[in-house]
């Protein structure tokens, strides 16, 4: 059974890899492993060792703690209680990832306005 922390770390790896426009193959080559292993890490099927996470962080140019952001004990407990089909993985959706990538390419001031607009629109009924 997948551990929620491994799933979270894998999602963060995939998220960052997409944000920098890197394929699984490219990341695997930089880290020195096959792309299939990257796939297993990203799904949480395999746990990432500390040294491998160090190499991945360097390849993706982020600090190690990036992979644990947004993770807390309460979230892990909730994730463990949910059925697998209930666990939403927004970052597995290519359209959502493309939207996020496009969003972060917008200049900061305009991005803030767009965010405020989206927040207002999402609360209207």
PDB file of N, CA and C in Angstrom:
ATOM      1  N   UNK A   1       0.840  -1.184   0.000  1.00  0.00           N
ATOM      2  CA  UNK A   1       0.000   0.000   0.000  1.00  0.00           C
ATOM      3  C   UNK A   1       0.884   1.246   0.000  1.00  0.00           C
ATOM      4  N   UNK A   2       0.505   2.214  -0.778  1.00  0.00           N
ATOM      5  CA  UNK A   2       1.272   3.449  -0.869  1.00  0.00           C
ATOM      6  C   UNK A   2       1.131   4.257   0.420  1.00  0.00           C
ATOM      7  N   UNK A   3       2.228   4.813   0.879  1.00  0.00           N
ATOM      8  CA  UNK A   3       2.179   5.695   2.048  1.00  0.00           C
ATOM      9  C   UNK A   3       1.884   7.112   1.562  1.00  0.00           C
ATOM     10  N   UNK A   4       0.998   7.836   2.241  1.00  0.00           N
ATOM     11  CA  UNK A   4       0.626   9.185   1.801  1.00  0.00           C
ATOM     12  C   UNK A   4       1.812  10.140   1.651  1.00  0.00           C
ATOM     13  N   UNK A   5       2.839   9.977   2.466  1.00  0.00           N
ATOM     14  CA  UNK A   5       4.014  10.852   2.338  1.00  0.00           C
ATOM     15  C   UNK A   5       4.731  10.570   1.023  1.00  0.00           C
ATOM     16  N   UNK A   6       4.852   9.294   0.662  1.00  0.00           N
ATOM     17  CA  UNK A   6       5.498   8.943  -0.608  1.00  0.00           C
ATOM     18  C   UNK A   6       4.694   9.475  -1.790  1.00  0.00           C
ATOM     19  N   UNK A   7       3.384   9.403  -1.680  1.00  0.00           N
ATOM     20  CA  UNK A   7       2.506   9.925  -2.739  1.00  0.00           C
ATOM     21  C   UNK A   7       2.684  11.437  -2.855  1.00  0.00           C
ATOM     22  N   UNK A   8       2.718  12.115  -1.714  1.00  0.00           N
ATOM     23  CA  UNK A   8       2.878  13.575  -1.714  1.00  0.00           C
ATOM     24  C   UNK A   8       4.219  13.978  -2.328  1.00  0.00           C
ATOM     25  N   UNK A   9       5.284  13.340  -1.901  1.00  0.00           N
ATOM     26  CA  UNK A   9       6.617  13.647  -2.439  1.00  0.00           C
ATOM     27  C   UNK A   9       6.637  13.386  -3.946  1.00  0.00           C
ATOM     28  N   UNK A  10       6.037  12.292  -4.367  1.00  0.00           N
ATOM     29  CA  UNK A  10       5.988  11.982  -5.795  1.00  0.00           C
ATOM     30  C   UNK A  10       5.241  13.033  -6.591  1.00  0.00           C
ATOM     31  N   UNK A  11       4.120  13.507  -6.041  1.00  0.00           N
ATOM     32  CA  UNK A  11       3.356  14.562  -6.713  1.00  0.00           C
ATOM     33  C   UNK A  11       4.181  15.833  -6.841  1.00  0.00           C
ATOM     34  N   UNK A  12       4.943  16.131  -5.788  1.00  0.00           N
ATOM     35  CA  UNK A  12       5.777  17.341  -5.816  1.00  0.00           C
ATOM     36  C   UNK A  12       6.912  17.200  -6.832  1.00  0.00           C
ATOM     37  N   UNK A  13       7.457  16.002  -6.973  1.00  0.00           N
ATOM     38  CA  UNK A  13       8.487  15.770  -7.987  1.00  0.00           C
ATOM     39  C   UNK A  13       7.889  16.019  -9.368  1.00  0.00           C
ATOM     40  N   UNK A  14       6.724  15.401  -9.614  1.00  0.00           N
ATOM     41  CA  UNK A  14       6.068  15.560 -10.916  1.00  0.00           C
ATOM     42  C   UNK A  14       5.720  17.025 -11.176  1.00  0.00           C
ATOM     43  N   UNK A  15       5.197  17.691 -10.165  1.00  0.00           N
ATOM     44  CA  UNK A  15       4.824  19.099 -10.295  1.00  0.00           C
ATOM     45  C   UNK A  15       6.030  19.943 -10.703  1.00  0.00           C
ATOM     46  N   UNK A  16       7.123  19.795 -10.006  1.00  0.00           N
ATOM     47  CA  UNK A  16       8.307  20.606 -10.306  1.00  0.00           C
ATOM     48  C   UNK A  16       8.889  20.242 -11.681  1.00  0.00           C
ATOM     49  N   UNK A  17       8.896  18.955 -11.989  1.00  0.00           N
ATOM     50  CA  UNK A  17       9.427  18.511 -13.285  1.00  0.00           C
ATOM     51  C   UNK A  17       8.626  19.155 -14.408  1.00  0.00           C
ATOM     52  N   UNK A  18       7.304  19.171 -14.259  1.00  0.00           N
ATOM     53  CA  UNK A  18       6.453  19.803 -15.268  1.00  0.00           C
ATOM     54  C   UNK A  18       6.693  21.303 -15.345  1.00  0.00           C
ATOM     55  N   UNK A  19       6.850  21.930 -14.187  1.00  0.00           N
ATOM     56  CA  UNK A  19       7.037  23.379 -14.148  1.00  0.00           C
ATOM     57  C   UNK A  19       8.317  23.807 -14.866  1.00  0.00           C
ATOM     58  N   UNK A  20       9.345  22.971 -14.805  1.00  0.00           N
ATOM     59  CA  UNK A  20      10.590  23.323 -15.491  1.00  0.00           C
ATOM     60  C   UNK A  20      10.627  22.768 -16.909  1.00  0.00           C
ATOM     61  N   UNK A  21       9.574  22.055 -17.311  1.00  0.00           N
ATOM     62  CA  UNK A  21       9.489  21.546 -18.675  1.00  0.00           C
ATOM     63  C   UNK A  21      10.406  20.367 -18.950  1.00  0.00           C
ATOM     64  N   UNK A  22      10.626  19.550 -17.950  1.00  0.00           N
ATOM     65  CA  UNK A  22      11.523  18.402 -18.076  1.00  0.00           C
ATOM     66  C   UNK A  22      10.694  17.122 -18.197  1.00  0.00           C
ATOM     67  N   UNK A  23      11.126  16.214 -19.045  1.00  0.00           N
ATOM     68  CA  UNK A  23      10.448  14.927 -19.177  1.00  0.00           C
ATOM     69  C   UNK A  23      10.981  13.962 -18.120  1.00  0.00           C
ATOM     70  N   UNK A  24      10.270  12.865 -17.938  1.00  0.00           N
ATOM     71  CA  UNK A  24      10.745  11.827 -17.021  1.00  0.00           C
ATOM     72  C   UNK A  24      12.073  11.272 -17.514  1.00  0.00           C
ATOM     73  N   UNK A  25      12.191  11.127 -18.805  1.00  0.00           N
ATOM     74  CA  UNK A  25      13.431  10.620 -19.404  1.00  0.00           C
ATOM     75  C   UNK A  25      14.597  11.557 -19.080  1.00  0.00           C
ATOM     76  N   UNK A  26      14.383  12.854 -19.259  1.00  0.00           N
ATOM     77  CA  UNK A  26      15.453  13.826 -18.992  1.00  0.00           C
ATOM     78  C   UNK A  26      15.848  13.823 -17.519  1.00  0.00           C
ATOM     79  N   UNK A  27      14.871  13.796 -16.636  1.00  0.00           N
ATOM     80  CA  UNK A  27      15.188  13.769 -15.208  1.00  0.00           C
ATOM     81  C   UNK A  27      15.943  12.495 -14.853  1.00  0.00           C
ATOM     82  N   UNK A  28      15.488  11.387 -15.391  1.00  0.00           N
ATOM     83  CA  UNK A  28      16.172  10.122 -15.145  1.00  0.00           C
ATOM     84  C   UNK A  28      17.626  10.154 -15.591  1.00  0.00           C
ATOM     85  N   UNK A  29      17.873  10.739 -16.750  1.00  0.00           N
ATOM     86  CA  UNK A  29      19.244  10.826 -17.250  1.00  0.00           C
ATOM     87  C   UNK A  29      20.129  11.675 -16.338  1.00  0.00           C
ATOM     88  N   UNK A  30      19.582  12.808 -15.880  1.00  0.00           N
ATOM     89  CA  UNK A  30      20.356  13.693 -14.999  1.00  0.00           C
ATOM     90  C   UNK A  30      20.667  12.988 -13.675  1.00  0.00           C
ATOM     91  N   UNK A  31      19.690  12.255 -13.154  1.00  0.00           N
ATOM     92  CA  UNK A  31      19.841  11.597 -11.856  1.00  0.00           C
ATOM     93  C   UNK A  31      20.576  10.258 -11.986  1.00  0.00           C
ATOM     94  N   UNK A  32      20.574   9.689 -13.185  1.00  0.00           N
ATOM     95  CA  UNK A  32      21.284   8.433 -13.407  1.00  0.00           C
ATOM     96  C   UNK A  32      20.431   7.191 -13.200  1.00  0.00           C
ATOM     97  N   UNK A  33      19.124   7.314 -13.480  1.00  0.00           N
ATOM     98  CA  UNK A  33      18.221   6.172 -13.377  1.00  0.00           C
ATOM     99  C   UNK A  33      17.308   6.154 -14.598  1.00  0.00           C
ATOM    100  N   UNK A  34      16.576   5.073 -14.766  1.00  0.00           N
ATOM    101  CA  UNK A  34      15.662   4.952 -15.897  1.00  0.00           C
ATOM    102  C   UNK A  34      14.374   5.732 -15.633  1.00  0.00           C
ATOM    103  N   UNK A  35      13.720   6.162 -16.708  1.00  0.00           N
ATOM    104  CA  UNK A  35      12.508   6.954 -16.556  1.00  0.00           C
ATOM    105  C   UNK A  35      11.400   6.172 -15.847  1.00  0.00           C
ATOM    106  N   UNK A  36      11.433   4.838 -15.963  1.00  0.00           N
ATOM    107  CA  UNK A  36      10.414   4.034 -15.293  1.00  0.00           C
ATOM    108  C   UNK A  36      10.498   4.203 -13.774  1.00  0.00           C
ATOM    109  N   UNK A  37      11.723   4.383 -13.270  1.00  0.00           N
ATOM    110  CA  UNK A  37      11.881   4.594 -11.839  1.00  0.00           C
ATOM    111  C   UNK A  37      11.315   5.957 -11.439  1.00  0.00           C
ATOM    112  N   UNK A  38      11.503   6.957 -12.303  1.00  0.00           N
ATOM    113  CA  UNK A  38      10.914   8.277 -12.042  1.00  0.00           C
ATOM    114  C   UNK A  38       9.393   8.136 -11.978  1.00  0.00           C
ATOM    115  N   UNK A  39       8.816   7.351 -12.898  1.00  0.00           N
ATOM    116  CA  UNK A  39       7.365   7.109 -12.885  1.00  0.00           C
ATOM    117  C   UNK A  39       6.928   6.519 -11.557  1.00  0.00           C
ATOM    118  N   UNK A  40       7.672   5.553 -11.063  1.00  0.00           N
ATOM    119  CA  UNK A  40       7.317   4.905  -9.803  1.00  0.00           C
ATOM    120  C   UNK A  40       7.426   5.869  -8.631  1.00  0.00           C
ATOM    121  N   UNK A  41       8.429   6.739  -8.661  1.00  0.00           N
ATOM    122  CA  UNK A  41       8.550   7.754  -7.611  1.00  0.00           C
ATOM    123  C   UNK A  41       7.361   8.710  -7.658  1.00  0.00           C
ATOM    124  N   UNK A  42       7.007   9.147  -8.862  1.00  0.00           N
ATOM    125  CA  UNK A  42       5.952  10.146  -9.019  1.00  0.00           C
ATOM    126  C   UNK A  42       4.576   9.626  -8.614  1.00  0.00           C
ATOM    127  N   UNK A  43       4.359   8.347  -8.715  1.00  0.00           N
ATOM    128  CA  UNK A  43       3.074   7.782  -8.304  1.00  0.00           C
ATOM    129  C   UNK A  43       3.075   7.360  -6.844  1.00  0.00           C
ATOM    130  N   UNK A  44       4.239   7.390  -6.213  1.00  0.00           N
ATOM    131  CA  UNK A  44       4.342   6.946  -4.830  1.00  0.00           C
ATOM    132  C   UNK A  44       4.461   5.438  -4.717  1.00  0.00           C
ATOM    133  N   UNK A  45       4.571   4.756  -5.854  1.00  0.00           N
ATOM    134  CA  UNK A  45       4.703   3.304  -5.850  1.00  0.00           C
ATOM    135  C   UNK A  45       6.017   2.888  -5.176  1.00  0.00           C
ATOM    136  N   UNK A  46       7.077   3.622  -5.453  1.00  0.00           N
ATOM    137  CA  UNK A  46       8.373   3.384  -4.814  1.00  0.00           C
ATOM    138  C   UNK A  46       8.746   4.588  -3.972  1.00  0.00           C
ATOM    139  N   UNK A  47       9.363   4.328  -2.846  1.00  0.00           N
ATOM    140  CA  UNK A  47       9.837   5.409  -1.985  1.00  0.00           C
ATOM    141  C   UNK A  47      11.150   5.950  -2.531  1.00  0.00           C
ATOM    142  N   UNK A  48      11.339   7.251  -2.345  1.00  0.00           N
ATOM    143  CA  UNK A  48      12.567   7.900  -2.797  1.00  0.00           C
ATOM    144  C   UNK A  48      13.526   7.931  -1.613  1.00  0.00           C
ATOM    145  N   UNK A  49      14.716   7.383  -1.792  1.00  0.00           N
ATOM    146  CA  UNK A  49      15.706   7.422  -0.717  1.00  0.00           C
ATOM    147  C   UNK A  49      16.193   8.853  -0.522  1.00  0.00           C
ATOM    148  N   UNK A  50      16.795   9.120   0.617  1.00  0.00           N
ATOM    149  CA  UNK A  50      17.282  10.464   0.930  1.00  0.00           C
ATOM    150  C   UNK A  50      18.312  10.928  -0.091  1.00  0.00           C
ATOM    151  N   UNK A  51      19.243  10.057  -0.447  1.00  0.00           N
ATOM    152  CA  UNK A  51      20.284  10.462  -1.406  1.00  0.00           C
ATOM    153  C   UNK A  51      19.701  10.699  -2.792  1.00  0.00           C
ATOM    154  N   UNK A  52      18.721   9.900  -3.188  1.00  0.00           N
ATOM    155  CA  UNK A  52      18.087  10.083  -4.497  1.00  0.00           C
ATOM    156  C   UNK A  52      17.264  11.367  -4.501  1.00  0.00           C
ATOM    157  N   UNK A  53      16.577  11.657  -3.398  1.00  0.00           N
ATOM    158  CA  UNK A  53      15.809  12.895  -3.311  1.00  0.00           C
ATOM    159  C   UNK A  53      16.742  14.098  -3.387  1.00  0.00           C
ATOM    160  N   UNK A  54      17.911  13.970  -2.797  1.00  0.00           N
ATOM    161  CA  UNK A  54      18.932  15.014  -2.866  1.00  0.00           C
ATOM    162  C   UNK A  54      19.313  15.270  -4.329  1.00  0.00           C
ATOM    163  N   UNK A  55      19.545  14.194  -5.080  1.00  0.00           N
ATOM    164  CA  UNK A  55      19.918  14.311  -6.494  1.00  0.00           C
ATOM    165  C   UNK A  55      18.772  14.910  -7.317  1.00  0.00           C
ATOM    166  N   UNK A  56      17.552  14.496  -7.028  1.00  0.00           N
ATOM    167  CA  UNK A  56      16.388  15.010  -7.754  1.00  0.00           C
ATOM    168  C   UNK A  56      16.208  16.497  -7.466  1.00  0.00           C
ATOM    169  N   UNK A  57      16.362  16.878  -6.208  1.00  0.00           N
ATOM    170  CA  UNK A  57      16.243  18.290  -5.837  1.00  0.00           C
ATOM    171  C   UNK A  57      17.280  19.131  -6.583  1.00  0.00           C
ATOM    172  N   UNK A  58      18.498  18.633  -6.667  1.00  0.00           N
ATOM    173  CA  UNK A  58      19.546  19.357  -7.393  1.00  0.00           C
ATOM    174  C   UNK A  58      19.198  19.468  -8.874  1.00  0.00           C
ATOM    175  N   UNK A  59      18.719  18.373  -9.455  1.00  0.00           N
ATOM    176  CA  UNK A  59      18.365  18.371 -10.877  1.00  0.00           C
ATOM    177  C   UNK A  59      17.217  19.337 -11.174  1.00  0.00           C
ATOM    178  N   UNK A  60      16.279  19.452 -10.229  1.00  0.00           N
ATOM    179  CA  UNK A  60      15.110  20.312 -10.426  1.00  0.00           C
ATOM    180  C   UNK A  60      15.304  21.703  -9.826  1.00  0.00           C
ATOM    181  N   UNK A  61      16.485  21.928  -9.265  1.00  0.00           N
ATOM    182  CA  UNK A  61      16.876  23.230  -8.717  1.00  0.00           C
ATOM    183  C   UNK A  61      15.909  23.738  -7.655  1.00  0.00           C
ATOM    184  N   UNK A  62      15.611  22.871  -6.680  1.00  0.00           N
ATOM    185  CA  UNK A  62      14.782  23.250  -5.537  1.00  0.00           C
ATOM    186  C   UNK A  62      15.428  22.695  -4.274  1.00  0.00           C
ATOM    187  N   UNK A  63      15.136  23.314  -3.121  1.00  0.00           N
ATOM    188  CA  UNK A  63      15.623  22.744  -1.864  1.00  0.00           C
ATOM    189  C   UNK A  63      14.839  21.477  -1.518  1.00  0.00           C
ATOM    190  N   UNK A  64      15.407  20.623  -0.718  1.00  0.00           N
ATOM    191  CA  UNK A  64      14.756  19.369  -0.328  1.00  0.00           C
ATOM    192  C   UNK A  64      13.371  19.614   0.266  1.00  0.00           C
ATOM    193  N   UNK A  65      13.237  20.650   1.074  1.00  0.00           N
ATOM    194  CA  UNK A  65      11.952  20.875   1.741  1.00  0.00           C
ATOM    195  C   UNK A  65      10.814  21.182   0.763  1.00  0.00           C
ATOM    196  N   UNK A  66      11.143  21.524  -0.479  1.00  0.00           N
ATOM    197  CA  UNK A  66      10.110  21.751  -1.497  1.00  0.00           C
ATOM    198  C   UNK A  66       9.182  20.546  -1.605  1.00  0.00           C
ATOM    199  N   UNK A  67       9.753  19.353  -1.509  1.00  0.00           N
ATOM    200  CA  UNK A  67       8.978  18.136  -1.714  1.00  0.00           C
ATOM    201  C   UNK A  67       8.030  17.830  -0.553  1.00  0.00           C
ATOM    202  N   UNK A  68       8.221  18.512   0.571  1.00  0.00           N
ATOM    203  CA  UNK A  68       7.389  18.275   1.738  1.00  0.00           C
ATOM    204  C   UNK A  68       6.430  19.428   2.029  1.00  0.00           C
ATOM    205  N   UNK A  69       6.493  20.482   1.220  1.00  0.00           N
ATOM    206  CA  UNK A  69       5.599  21.617   1.428  1.00  0.00           C
ATOM    207  C   UNK A  69       4.149  21.170   1.296  1.00  0.00           C
ATOM    208  N   UNK A  70       3.310  21.691   2.188  1.00  0.00           N
ATOM    209  CA  UNK A  70       1.890  21.359   2.159  1.00  0.00           C
ATOM    210  C   UNK A  70       1.551  20.051   2.830  1.00  0.00           C
ATOM    211  N   UNK A  71       2.538  19.410   3.396  1.00  0.00           N
ATOM    212  CA  UNK A  71       2.324  18.120   4.046  1.00  0.00           C
ATOM    213  C   UNK A  71       2.310  18.321   5.551  1.00  0.00           C
ATOM    214  N   UNK A  72       1.265  17.870   6.186  1.00  0.00           N
ATOM    215  CA  UNK A  72       1.234  17.895   7.645  1.00  0.00           C
ATOM    216  C   UNK A  72       0.562  16.619   8.132  1.00  0.00           C
ATOM    217  N   UNK A  73       0.653  16.368   9.408  1.00  0.00           N
ATOM    218  CA  UNK A  73       0.134  15.115   9.956  1.00  0.00           C
ATOM    219  C   UNK A  73      -1.362  14.961   9.738  1.00  0.00           C
ATOM    220  N   UNK A  74      -2.100  16.046   9.841  1.00  0.00           N
ATOM    221  CA  UNK A  74      -3.545  15.978   9.648  1.00  0.00           C
ATOM    222  C   UNK A  74      -3.874  15.583   8.211  1.00  0.00           C
ATOM    223  N   UNK A  75      -3.155  16.174   7.253  1.00  0.00           N
ATOM    224  CA  UNK A  75      -3.393  15.849   5.848  1.00  0.00           C
ATOM    225  C   UNK A  75      -3.069  14.385   5.568  1.00  0.00           C
ATOM    226  N   UNK A  76      -1.993  13.888   6.162  1.00  0.00           N
ATOM    227  CA  UNK A  76      -1.613  12.484   5.975  1.00  0.00           C
ATOM    228  C   UNK A  76      -2.695  11.578   6.552  1.00  0.00           C
ATOM    229  N   UNK A  77      -3.190  11.905   7.734  1.00  0.00           N
ATOM    230  CA  UNK A  77      -4.233  11.097   8.367  1.00  0.00           C
ATOM    231  C   UNK A  77      -5.498  11.078   7.513  1.00  0.00           C
ATOM    232  N   UNK A  78      -5.884  12.237   6.985  1.00  0.00           N
ATOM    233  CA  UNK A  78      -7.071  12.314   6.132  1.00  0.00           C
ATOM    234  C   UNK A  78      -6.878  11.489   4.867  1.00  0.00           C
ATOM    235  N   UNK A  79      -5.717  11.595   4.260  1.00  0.00           N
ATOM    236  CA  UNK A  79      -5.418  10.859   3.022  1.00  0.00           C
ATOM    237  C   UNK A  79      -5.497   9.355   3.263  1.00  0.00           C
ATOM    238  N   UNK A  80      -5.002   8.907   4.412  1.00  0.00           N
ATOM    239  CA  UNK A  80      -5.016   7.473   4.712  1.00  0.00           C
ATOM    240  C   UNK A  80      -6.434   6.949   4.867  1.00  0.00           C
ATOM    241  N   UNK A  81      -7.356   7.783   5.339  1.00  0.00           N
ATOM    242  CA  UNK A  81      -8.732   7.362   5.559  1.00  0.00           C
ATOM    243  C   UNK A  81      -9.538   7.308   4.261  1.00  0.00           C
ATOM    244  N   UNK A  82      -9.110   8.039   3.243  1.00  0.00           N
ATOM    245  CA  UNK A  82      -9.874   8.119   2.001  1.00  0.00           C
ATOM    246  C   UNK A  82      -9.661   6.883   1.138  1.00  0.00           C
ATOM    247  N   UNK A  83     -10.674   6.570   0.377  1.00  0.00           N
ATOM    248  CA  UNK A  83     -10.556   5.515  -0.616  1.00  0.00           C
ATOM    249  C   UNK A  83      -9.670   6.019  -1.751  1.00  0.00           C
ATOM    250  N   UNK A  84      -8.917   5.146  -2.409  1.00  0.00           N
ATOM    251  CA  UNK A  84      -8.026   5.594  -3.487  1.00  0.00           C
ATOM    252  C   UNK A  84      -8.715   6.424  -4.556  1.00  0.00           C
ATOM    253  N   UNK A  85      -9.940   6.059  -4.944  1.00  0.00           N
ATOM    254  CA  UNK A  85     -10.635   6.805  -5.998  1.00  0.00           C
ATOM    255  C   UNK A  85     -11.062   8.191  -5.527  1.00  0.00           C
ATOM    256  N   UNK A  86     -11.089   8.428  -4.207  1.00  0.00           N
ATOM    257  CA  UNK A  86     -11.470   9.725  -3.676  1.00  0.00           C
ATOM    258  C   UNK A  86     -10.292  10.695  -3.634  1.00  0.00           C
ATOM    259  N   UNK A  87      -9.093  10.182  -3.689  1.00  0.00           N
ATOM    260  CA  UNK A  87      -7.907  11.022  -3.575  1.00  0.00           C
ATOM    261  C   UNK A  87      -7.698  11.771  -4.879  1.00  0.00           C
ATOM    262  N   UNK A  88      -8.010  13.029  -4.871  1.00  0.00           N
ATOM    263  CA  UNK A  88      -7.852  13.832  -6.071  1.00  0.00           C
ATOM    264  C   UNK A  88      -6.387  14.131  -6.341  1.00  0.00           C
ATOM    265  N   UNK A  89      -5.994  14.020  -7.573  1.00  0.00           N
ATOM    266  CA  UNK A  89      -4.628  14.354  -7.958  1.00  0.00           C
ATOM    267  C   UNK A  89      -4.707  15.350  -9.096  1.00  0.00           C
ATOM    268  N   UNK A  90      -4.877  16.599  -8.737  1.00  0.00           N
ATOM    269  CA  UNK A  90      -5.017  17.654  -9.721  1.00  0.00           C
ATOM    270  C   UNK A  90      -3.806  17.707 -10.642  1.00  0.00           C
ATOM    271  N   UNK A  91      -2.627  17.451 -10.094  1.00  0.00           N
ATOM    272  CA  UNK A  91      -1.417  17.560 -10.898  1.00  0.00           C
ATOM    273  C   UNK A  91      -1.245  16.387 -11.870  1.00  0.00           C
ATOM    274  N   UNK A  92      -2.092  15.385 -11.771  1.00  0.00           N
ATOM    275  CA  UNK A  92      -2.053  14.300 -12.754  1.00  0.00           C
ATOM    276  C   UNK A  92      -2.802  14.690 -14.017  1.00  0.00           C
ATOM    277  N   UNK A  93      -3.590  15.740 -13.952  1.00  0.00           N
ATOM    278  CA  UNK A  93      -4.358  16.225 -15.083  1.00  0.00           C
ATOM    279  C   UNK A  93      -3.479  17.148 -15.923  1.00  0.00           C
ATOM    280  N   UNK A  94      -3.188  16.750 -17.146  1.00  0.00           N
ATOM    281  CA  UNK A  94      -2.292  17.529 -18.005  1.00  0.00           C
ATOM    282  C   UNK A  94      -2.822  18.943 -18.261  1.00  0.00           C
ATOM    283  N   UNK A  95      -4.135  19.075 -18.396  1.00  0.00           N
ATOM    284  CA  UNK A  95      -4.724  20.388 -18.626  1.00  0.00           C
ATOM    285  C   UNK A  95      -4.500  21.297 -17.412  1.00  0.00           C
ATOM    286  N   UNK A  96      -4.663  20.736 -16.215  1.00  0.00           N
ATOM    287  CA  UNK A  96      -4.436  21.523 -14.993  1.00  0.00           C
ATOM    288  C   UNK A  96      -2.974  21.928 -14.878  1.00  0.00           C
ATOM    289  N   UNK A  97      -2.080  21.023 -15.225  1.00  0.00           N
ATOM    290  CA  UNK A  97      -0.653  21.356 -15.167  1.00  0.00           C
ATOM    291  C   UNK A  97      -0.299  22.443 -16.173  1.00  0.00           C
ATOM    292  N   UNK A  98      -0.875  22.359 -17.357  1.00  0.00           N
ATOM    293  CA  UNK A  98      -0.625  23.382 -18.372  1.00  0.00           C
ATOM    294  C   UNK A  98      -1.151  24.733 -17.903  1.00  0.00           C
ATOM    295  N   UNK A  99      -2.307  24.715 -17.249  1.00  0.00           N
ATOM    296  CA  UNK A  99      -2.878  25.940 -16.698  1.00  0.00           C
ATOM    297  C   UNK A  99      -1.958  26.538 -15.627  1.00  0.00           C
ATOM    298  N   UNK A 100      -1.442  25.698 -14.753  1.00  0.00           N
ATOM    299  CA  UNK A 100      -0.537  26.174 -13.698  1.00  0.00           C
ATOM    300  C   UNK A 100       0.736  26.740 -14.315  1.00  0.00           C
ATOM    301  N   UNK A 101       1.285  26.037 -15.293  1.00  0.00           N
ATOM    302  CA  UNK A 101       2.513  26.512 -15.947  1.00  0.00           C
ATOM    303  C   UNK A 101       2.263  27.869 -16.612  1.00  0.00           C
ATOM    304  N   UNK A 102       1.142  27.997 -17.294  1.00  0.00           N
ATOM    305  CA  UNK A 102       0.806  29.267 -17.950  1.00  0.00           C
ATOM    306  C   UNK A 102       0.596  30.368 -16.922  1.00  0.00           C
ATOM    307  N   UNK A 103      -0.076  30.031 -15.836  1.00  0.00           N
ATOM    308  CA  UNK A 103      -0.341  30.999 -14.767  1.00  0.00           C
ATOM    309  C   UNK A 103       0.965  31.593 -14.234  1.00  0.00           C
ATOM    310  N   UNK A 104       1.942  30.735 -13.985  1.00  0.00           N
ATOM    311  CA  UNK A 104       3.203  31.226 -13.426  1.00  0.00           C
ATOM    312  C   UNK A 104       4.079  31.939 -14.452  1.00  0.00           C
ATOM    313  N   UNK A 105       3.704  31.882 -15.708  1.00  0.00           N
ATOM    314  CA  UNK A 105       4.461  32.635 -16.711  1.00  0.00           C
ATOM    315  C   UNK A 105       3.929  34.062 -16.859  1.00  0.00           C
ATOM    316  N   UNK A 106       2.795  34.351 -16.222  1.00  0.00           N
ATOM    317  CA  UNK A 106       2.214  35.696 -16.244  1.00  0.00           C
ATOM    318  C   UNK A 106       2.988  36.577 -15.261  1.00  0.00           C
ATOM    319  N   UNK A 107       3.265  37.816 -15.621  1.00  0.00           N
ATOM    320  CA  UNK A 107       3.957  38.719 -14.687  1.00  0.00           C
ATOM    321  C   UNK A 107       3.224  38.795 -13.343  1.00  0.00           C
ATOM    322  N   UNK A 108       3.986  38.946 -12.275  1.00  0.00           N
ATOM    323  CA  UNK A 108       3.448  38.829 -10.920  1.00  0.00           C
ATOM    324  C   UNK A 108       2.253  39.734 -10.639  1.00  0.00           C
ATOM    325  N   UNK A 109       2.318  40.991 -11.033  1.00  0.00           N
ATOM    326  CA  UNK A 109       1.219  41.922 -10.742  1.00  0.00           C
ATOM    327  C   UNK A 109      -0.073  41.482 -11.441  1.00  0.00           C
ATOM    328  N   UNK A 110       0.035  41.090 -12.706  1.00  0.00           N
ATOM    329  CA  UNK A 110      -1.144  40.622 -13.440  1.00  0.00           C
ATOM    330  C   UNK A 110      -1.633  39.291 -12.872  1.00  0.00           C
ATOM    331  N   UNK A 111      -0.700  38.451 -12.452  1.00  0.00           N
ATOM    332  CA  UNK A 111      -1.055  37.159 -11.882  1.00  0.00           C
ATOM    333  C   UNK A 111      -1.882  37.347 -10.609  1.00  0.00           C
ATOM    334  N   UNK A 112      -1.504  38.320  -9.787  1.00  0.00           N
ATOM    335  CA  UNK A 112      -2.247  38.586  -8.552  1.00  0.00           C
ATOM    336  C   UNK A 112      -3.678  39.015  -8.890  1.00  0.00           C
ATOM    337  N   UNK A 113      -3.829  39.861  -9.896  1.00  0.00           N
ATOM    338  CA  UNK A 113      -5.175  40.298 -10.289  1.00  0.00           C
ATOM    339  C   UNK A 113      -6.003  39.123 -10.813  1.00  0.00           C
ATOM    340  N   UNK A 114      -5.368  38.284 -11.608  1.00  0.00           N
ATOM    341  CA  UNK A 114      -6.060  37.110 -12.140  1.00  0.00           C
ATOM    342  C   UNK A 114      -6.487  36.184 -11.003  1.00  0.00           C
ATOM    343  N   UNK A 115      -5.624  36.005 -10.027  1.00  0.00           N
ATOM    344  CA  UNK A 115      -5.941  35.169  -8.872  1.00  0.00           C
ATOM    345  C   UNK A 115      -7.135  35.742  -8.106  1.00  0.00           C
ATOM    346  N   UNK A 116      -7.117  37.056  -7.883  1.00  0.00           N
ATOM    347  CA  UNK A 116      -8.225  37.707  -7.183  1.00  0.00           C
ATOM    348  C   UNK A 116      -9.536  37.534  -7.950  1.00  0.00           C
ATOM    349  N   UNK A 117      -9.477  37.673  -9.266  1.00  0.00           N
ATOM    350  CA  UNK A 117     -10.664  37.479 -10.093  1.00  0.00           C
ATOM    351  C   UNK A 117     -11.177  36.040  -9.984  1.00  0.00           C
ATOM    352  N   UNK A 118     -10.281  35.085 -10.073  1.00  0.00           N
ATOM    353  CA  UNK A 118     -10.677  33.667  -9.975  1.00  0.00           C
ATOM    354  C   UNK A 118     -11.312  33.384  -8.616  1.00  0.00           C
ATOM    355  N   UNK A 119     -10.763  33.964  -7.575  1.00  0.00           N
ATOM    356  CA  UNK A 119     -11.316  33.752  -6.233  1.00  0.00           C
ATOM    357  C   UNK A 119     -12.743  34.312  -6.156  1.00  0.00           C
ATOM    358  N   UNK A 120     -12.967  35.502  -6.706  1.00  0.00           N
ATOM    359  CA  UNK A 120     -14.297  36.117  -6.692  1.00  0.00           C
ATOM    360  C   UNK A 120     -15.280  35.278  -7.510  1.00  0.00           C
ATOM    361  N   UNK A 121     -14.863  34.846  -8.686  1.00  0.00           N
ATOM    362  CA  UNK A 121     -15.757  34.058  -9.551  1.00  0.00           C
ATOM    363  C   UNK A 121     -16.101  32.719  -8.932  1.00  0.00           C
ATOM    364  N   UNK A 122     -15.163  32.118  -8.204  1.00  0.00           N
ATOM    365  CA  UNK A 122     -15.415  30.794  -7.634  1.00  0.00           C
ATOM    366  C   UNK A 122     -16.363  30.846  -6.444  1.00  0.00           C
ATOM    367  N   UNK A 123     -16.560  32.021  -5.854  1.00  0.00           N
ATOM    368  CA  UNK A 123     -17.451  32.112  -4.687  1.00  0.00           C
ATOM    369  C   UNK A 123     -18.845  32.572  -5.086  1.00  0.00           C
ATOM    370  N   UNK A 124     -19.044  32.950  -6.357  1.00  0.00           N
ATOM    371  CA  UNK A 124     -20.368  33.359  -6.803  1.00  0.00           C
ATOM    372  C   UNK A 124     -21.227  32.139  -7.066  1.00  0.00           C
ATOM    373  N   UNK A 125     -22.506  32.286  -6.814  1.00  0.00           N
ATOM    374  CA  UNK A 125     -23.426  31.158  -7.057  1.00  0.00           C
ATOM    375  C   UNK A 125     -24.352  31.445  -8.197  1.00  0.00           C
TER     376      UNK A 125
END
